[in-house]
Amino acid sequence: MLPRLNRLRKQKDFDLIFQEGSFFQNDYLAIKCRLSQAGYSRFAVVISAKTAKGAVVRNRLRRQLNEIIRKEIKDKLTDFDVVIIVRPKLIGKKYQEIRKILGGLL
């Protein structure tokens, strides 16, 4: 799990990112990001119920993405607020594949 300091939680932060942030995407993920006012990186993973019907699938993907961020990306990507939006094609991918996809997009 990401440390509390590195998690996006407030609605106003999400609104700012979606209004002013840069957008990057591929077939599996979409990313909105902007420079952080906090001085450190913060992350959020968004998976809609339309993307993955079952809560088990959504939670597993969220845990995997958070672990990848915690282990590999958090220290490399500094001073950004990042929202990762999962697309349906990512469902069923293995951890190593997800790691490559996310690393390539960031």
N, C-alpha and C. Protein backbone atom coordinates (compact mmCIF):
# COMPACT_ATOMS: atom_id res chain seq x y z
N MET A 1 0.84 -1.18 0.00
CA MET A 1 0.00 0.00 0.00
C MET A 1 0.89 1.24 0.00
N LEU A 2 0.43 2.24 -0.70
CA LEU A 2 1.16 3.51 -0.73
C LEU A 2 1.09 4.20 0.63
N PRO A 3 2.15 4.87 1.03
CA PRO A 3 2.07 5.68 2.25
C PRO A 3 0.99 6.75 2.10
N ARG A 4 0.38 7.11 3.20
CA ARG A 4 -0.71 8.08 3.18
C ARG A 4 -0.29 9.40 2.54
N LEU A 5 0.95 9.77 2.73
CA LEU A 5 1.48 11.00 2.17
C LEU A 5 1.43 11.01 0.64
N ASN A 6 1.56 9.83 0.03
CA ASN A 6 1.64 9.71 -1.43
C ASN A 6 0.31 9.34 -2.08
N ARG A 7 -0.79 9.47 -1.37
CA ARG A 7 -2.10 9.16 -1.93
C ARG A 7 -2.91 10.43 -2.16
N LEU A 8 -3.55 10.49 -3.30
CA LEU A 8 -4.49 11.58 -3.59
C LEU A 8 -5.82 11.22 -2.94
N ARG A 9 -6.38 12.14 -2.15
CA ARG A 9 -7.62 11.82 -1.45
C ARG A 9 -8.70 12.88 -1.61
N LYS A 10 -8.34 14.12 -1.79
CA LYS A 10 -9.32 15.20 -1.78
C LYS A 10 -9.91 15.45 -3.17
N GLN A 11 -11.20 15.72 -3.19
CA GLN A 11 -11.90 15.95 -4.45
C GLN A 11 -11.34 17.17 -5.18
N LYS A 12 -10.95 18.20 -4.45
CA LYS A 12 -10.42 19.40 -5.12
C LYS A 12 -9.10 19.09 -5.85
N ASP A 13 -8.31 18.16 -5.32
CA ASP A 13 -7.08 17.76 -6.01
C ASP A 13 -7.40 17.03 -7.31
N PHE A 14 -8.38 16.13 -7.25
CA PHE A 14 -8.80 15.42 -8.47
C PHE A 14 -9.33 16.41 -9.50
N ASP A 15 -10.15 17.36 -9.06
CA ASP A 15 -10.71 18.35 -9.98
C ASP A 15 -9.61 19.16 -10.67
N LEU A 16 -8.60 19.58 -9.92
CA LEU A 16 -7.49 20.34 -10.50
C LEU A 16 -6.74 19.52 -11.53
N ILE A 17 -6.50 18.26 -11.22
CA ILE A 17 -5.76 17.39 -12.15
C ILE A 17 -6.55 17.20 -13.43
N PHE A 18 -7.85 16.94 -13.31
CA PHE A 18 -8.66 16.71 -14.51
C PHE A 18 -8.86 17.99 -15.32
N GLN A 19 -8.84 19.16 -14.70
CA GLN A 19 -9.01 20.41 -15.42
C GLN A 19 -7.71 20.88 -16.07
N GLU A 20 -6.59 20.80 -15.35
CA GLU A 20 -5.35 21.41 -15.80
C GLU A 20 -4.26 20.43 -16.18
N GLY A 21 -4.47 19.15 -15.93
CA GLY A 21 -3.40 18.17 -16.11
C GLY A 21 -3.17 17.76 -17.55
N SER A 22 -2.01 17.15 -17.77
CA SER A 22 -1.67 16.58 -19.08
C SER A 22 -2.25 15.17 -19.16
N PHE A 23 -2.57 14.75 -20.38
CA PHE A 23 -3.22 13.47 -20.58
C PHE A 23 -2.36 12.58 -21.46
N PHE A 24 -2.11 11.35 -21.01
CA PHE A 24 -1.37 10.35 -21.77
C PHE A 24 -2.17 9.06 -21.73
N GLN A 25 -2.12 8.29 -22.83
CA GLN A 25 -2.90 7.06 -22.85
C GLN A 25 -2.29 6.03 -23.79
N ASN A 26 -2.66 4.79 -23.54
CA ASN A 26 -2.43 3.70 -24.47
C ASN A 26 -3.67 2.81 -24.42
N ASP A 27 -3.60 1.60 -24.94
CA ASP A 27 -4.78 0.74 -24.98
C ASP A 27 -5.20 0.24 -23.60
N TYR A 28 -4.30 0.27 -22.64
CA TYR A 28 -4.53 -0.33 -21.33
C TYR A 28 -4.79 0.67 -20.21
N LEU A 29 -4.15 1.83 -20.29
CA LEU A 29 -4.23 2.82 -19.21
C LEU A 29 -4.35 4.23 -19.79
N ALA A 30 -4.91 5.11 -19.00
CA ALA A 30 -4.89 6.54 -19.28
C ALA A 30 -4.35 7.22 -18.04
N ILE A 31 -3.55 8.27 -18.23
CA ILE A 31 -2.94 8.95 -17.10
C ILE A 31 -3.18 10.45 -17.23
N LYS A 32 -3.64 11.06 -16.15
CA LYS A 32 -3.74 12.51 -16.04
C LYS A 32 -2.75 12.93 -14.97
N CYS A 33 -1.91 13.92 -15.27
CA CYS A 33 -0.94 14.35 -14.27
C CYS A 33 -0.70 15.85 -14.38
N ARG A 34 -0.27 16.43 -13.28
CA ARG A 34 0.11 17.84 -13.23
C ARG A 34 1.14 18.01 -12.14
N LEU A 35 1.86 19.12 -12.21
CA LEU A 35 2.86 19.40 -11.18
C LEU A 35 2.18 19.54 -9.83
N SER A 36 2.80 18.95 -8.82
CA SER A 36 2.23 18.95 -7.48
C SER A 36 2.55 20.24 -6.75
N GLN A 37 1.57 20.76 -6.04
CA GLN A 37 1.79 21.92 -5.19
C GLN A 37 2.33 21.48 -3.82
N ALA A 38 2.24 20.20 -3.53
CA ALA A 38 2.63 19.68 -2.22
C ALA A 38 4.14 19.51 -2.09
N GLY A 39 4.86 19.40 -3.20
CA GLY A 39 6.30 19.23 -3.15
C GLY A 39 6.74 17.77 -3.19
N TYR A 40 5.81 16.85 -3.33
CA TYR A 40 6.11 15.43 -3.46
C TYR A 40 5.02 14.81 -4.32
N SER A 41 5.27 13.60 -4.81
CA SER A 41 4.32 12.95 -5.71
C SER A 41 3.17 12.32 -4.95
N ARG A 42 1.99 12.41 -5.56
CA ARG A 42 0.81 11.75 -5.02
C ARG A 42 0.11 11.01 -6.16
N PHE A 43 -0.46 9.86 -5.85
CA PHE A 43 -1.04 8.98 -6.86
C PHE A 43 -2.45 8.54 -6.48
N ALA A 44 -3.24 8.21 -7.51
CA ALA A 44 -4.56 7.61 -7.32
C ALA A 44 -4.80 6.67 -8.50
N VAL A 45 -5.48 5.56 -8.23
CA VAL A 45 -5.85 4.61 -9.27
C VAL A 45 -7.37 4.57 -9.34
N VAL A 46 -7.92 4.78 -10.55
CA VAL A 46 -9.36 4.82 -10.75
C VAL A 46 -9.76 3.67 -11.67
N ILE A 47 -10.69 2.84 -11.18
CA ILE A 47 -11.22 1.74 -11.98
C ILE A 47 -12.74 1.78 -11.84
N SER A 48 -13.43 2.02 -12.92
CA SER A 48 -14.89 2.13 -12.83
C SER A 48 -15.53 0.74 -12.80
N ALA A 49 -16.76 0.69 -12.35
CA ALA A 49 -17.50 -0.57 -12.32
C ALA A 49 -17.83 -1.05 -13.73
N LYS A 50 -17.87 -0.12 -14.68
CA LYS A 50 -18.09 -0.52 -16.08
C LYS A 50 -16.86 -1.22 -16.64
N THR A 51 -15.68 -0.83 -16.18
CA THR A 51 -14.44 -1.43 -16.66
C THR A 51 -14.31 -2.86 -16.18
N ALA A 52 -14.50 -3.06 -14.88
CA ALA A 52 -14.41 -4.39 -14.28
C ALA A 52 -15.65 -4.59 -13.44
N LYS A 53 -16.47 -5.55 -13.80
CA LYS A 53 -17.75 -5.74 -13.14
C LYS A 53 -17.59 -6.13 -11.67
N GLY A 54 -16.66 -7.03 -11.38
CA GLY A 54 -16.53 -7.54 -10.02
C GLY A 54 -15.59 -6.71 -9.16
N ALA A 55 -15.97 -6.52 -7.90
CA ALA A 55 -15.13 -5.76 -6.98
C ALA A 55 -13.80 -6.46 -6.74
N VAL A 56 -13.79 -7.78 -6.79
CA VAL A 56 -12.57 -8.53 -6.58
C VAL A 56 -11.54 -8.18 -7.66
N VAL A 57 -11.99 -8.10 -8.88
CA VAL A 57 -11.10 -7.77 -10.01
C VAL A 57 -10.59 -6.34 -9.87
N ARG A 58 -11.49 -5.39 -9.56
CA ARG A 58 -11.08 -4.00 -9.39
C ARG A 58 -10.07 -3.84 -8.27
N ASN A 59 -10.34 -4.46 -7.14
CA ASN A 59 -9.43 -4.33 -6.00
C ASN A 59 -8.07 -4.98 -6.27
N ARG A 60 -8.06 -6.10 -6.97
CA ARG A 60 -6.79 -6.75 -7.29
C ARG A 60 -5.94 -5.87 -8.21
N LEU A 61 -6.56 -5.31 -9.24
CA LEU A 61 -5.84 -4.41 -10.14
C LEU A 61 -5.32 -3.18 -9.38
N ARG A 62 -6.15 -2.63 -8.52
CA ARG A 62 -5.74 -1.46 -7.74
C ARG A 62 -4.55 -1.79 -6.83
N ARG A 63 -4.60 -2.93 -6.18
CA ARG A 63 -3.48 -3.34 -5.33
C ARG A 63 -2.21 -3.55 -6.13
N GLN A 64 -2.32 -4.19 -7.29
CA GLN A 64 -1.14 -4.41 -8.13
C GLN A 64 -0.54 -3.09 -8.60
N LEU A 65 -1.36 -2.18 -9.07
CA LEU A 65 -0.86 -0.89 -9.54
C LEU A 65 -0.24 -0.09 -8.40
N ASN A 66 -0.87 -0.10 -7.23
CA ASN A 66 -0.30 0.61 -6.09
C ASN A 66 1.06 0.02 -5.68
N GLU A 67 1.19 -1.28 -5.77
CA GLU A 67 2.47 -1.92 -5.42
C GLU A 67 3.55 -1.55 -6.42
N ILE A 68 3.21 -1.51 -7.70
CA ILE A 68 4.17 -1.10 -8.72
C ILE A 68 4.62 0.34 -8.48
N ILE A 69 3.68 1.20 -8.17
CA ILE A 69 4.00 2.60 -7.88
C ILE A 69 4.91 2.68 -6.65
N ARG A 70 4.55 1.97 -5.60
CA ARG A 70 5.31 2.02 -4.35
C ARG A 70 6.74 1.53 -4.54
N LYS A 71 6.90 0.43 -5.27
CA LYS A 71 8.23 -0.18 -5.41
C LYS A 71 9.12 0.53 -6.41
N GLU A 72 8.55 0.96 -7.53
CA GLU A 72 9.40 1.37 -8.65
C GLU A 72 9.27 2.82 -9.08
N ILE A 73 8.09 3.37 -8.99
CA ILE A 73 7.86 4.65 -9.66
C ILE A 73 7.88 5.83 -8.71
N LYS A 74 7.45 5.64 -7.49
CA LYS A 74 7.28 6.76 -6.55
C LYS A 74 8.54 7.61 -6.41
N ASP A 75 9.70 6.98 -6.32
CA ASP A 75 10.95 7.73 -6.12
C ASP A 75 11.48 8.33 -7.42
N LYS A 76 11.13 7.74 -8.56
CA LYS A 76 11.62 8.24 -9.84
C LYS A 76 10.81 9.44 -10.33
N LEU A 77 9.53 9.46 -10.03
CA LEU A 77 8.63 10.50 -10.50
C LEU A 77 8.33 11.43 -9.33
N THR A 78 9.03 12.56 -9.27
CA THR A 78 8.86 13.45 -8.13
C THR A 78 8.08 14.69 -8.53
N ASP A 79 7.40 15.27 -7.57
CA ASP A 79 6.67 16.52 -7.73
C ASP A 79 5.52 16.47 -8.74
N PHE A 80 4.84 15.33 -8.84
CA PHE A 80 3.69 15.22 -9.72
C PHE A 80 2.50 14.62 -8.97
N ASP A 81 1.31 15.08 -9.32
CA ASP A 81 0.07 14.44 -8.90
C ASP A 81 -0.41 13.63 -10.10
N VAL A 82 -0.65 12.34 -9.90
CA VAL A 82 -0.95 11.43 -11.00
C VAL A 82 -2.23 10.64 -10.71
N VAL A 83 -3.14 10.63 -11.68
CA VAL A 83 -4.33 9.78 -11.61
C VAL A 83 -4.22 8.76 -12.74
N ILE A 84 -4.25 7.48 -12.37
CA ILE A 84 -4.15 6.39 -13.34
C ILE A 84 -5.55 5.82 -13.54
N ILE A 85 -6.00 5.82 -14.78
CA ILE A 85 -7.34 5.33 -15.12
C ILE A 85 -7.18 4.02 -15.89
N VAL A 86 -7.78 2.97 -15.37
CA VAL A 86 -7.64 1.64 -15.96
C VAL A 86 -8.68 1.44 -17.05
N ARG A 87 -8.23 0.84 -18.15
CA ARG A 87 -9.11 0.51 -19.27
C ARG A 87 -9.38 -1.00 -19.25
N PRO A 88 -10.46 -1.44 -19.90
CA PRO A 88 -10.86 -2.85 -19.84
C PRO A 88 -9.82 -3.85 -20.35
N LYS A 89 -8.96 -3.46 -21.27
CA LYS A 89 -7.97 -4.39 -21.82
C LYS A 89 -6.93 -4.83 -20.79
N LEU A 90 -6.79 -4.10 -19.70
CA LEU A 90 -5.79 -4.45 -18.68
C LEU A 90 -6.24 -5.63 -17.83
N ILE A 91 -7.53 -5.91 -17.83
CA ILE A 91 -8.05 -7.01 -17.02
C ILE A 91 -7.49 -8.33 -17.55
N GLY A 92 -6.99 -9.14 -16.63
CA GLY A 92 -6.45 -10.45 -16.99
C GLY A 92 -4.96 -10.45 -17.27
N LYS A 93 -4.32 -9.30 -17.25
CA LYS A 93 -2.88 -9.23 -17.47
C LYS A 93 -2.15 -9.64 -16.19
N LYS A 94 -0.99 -10.22 -16.36
CA LYS A 94 -0.17 -10.62 -15.22
C LYS A 94 0.59 -9.40 -14.68
N TYR A 95 1.09 -9.55 -13.46
CA TYR A 95 1.77 -8.46 -12.76
C TYR A 95 2.93 -7.90 -13.58
N GLN A 96 3.75 -8.75 -14.15
CA GLN A 96 4.91 -8.29 -14.93
C GLN A 96 4.49 -7.50 -16.16
N GLU A 97 3.40 -7.94 -16.80
CA GLU A 97 2.90 -7.21 -17.96
C GLU A 97 2.38 -5.83 -17.55
N ILE A 98 1.66 -5.78 -16.44
CA ILE A 98 1.14 -4.50 -15.94
C ILE A 98 2.29 -3.56 -15.61
N ARG A 99 3.35 -4.11 -15.02
CA ARG A 99 4.53 -3.31 -14.67
C ARG A 99 5.15 -2.68 -15.91
N LYS A 100 5.28 -3.47 -16.97
CA LYS A 100 5.85 -2.96 -18.23
C LYS A 100 4.95 -1.90 -18.87
N ILE A 101 3.64 -2.14 -18.86
CA ILE A 101 2.70 -1.21 -19.45
C ILE A 101 2.74 0.13 -18.72
N LEU A 102 2.67 0.10 -17.39
CA LEU A 102 2.67 1.32 -16.61
C LEU A 102 4.02 2.05 -16.72
N GLY A 103 5.10 1.31 -16.65
CA GLY A 103 6.42 1.92 -16.77
C GLY A 103 6.64 2.58 -18.13
N GLY A 104 6.15 1.92 -19.18
CA GLY A 104 6.27 2.48 -20.53
C GLY A 104 5.46 3.76 -20.71
N LEU A 105 4.29 3.81 -20.09
CA LEU A 105 3.43 4.98 -20.25
C LEU A 105 3.96 6.17 -19.44
N LEU A 106 4.52 5.90 -18.26
CA LEU A 106 5.04 6.99 -17.45
C LEU A 106 6.39 7.44 -17.99
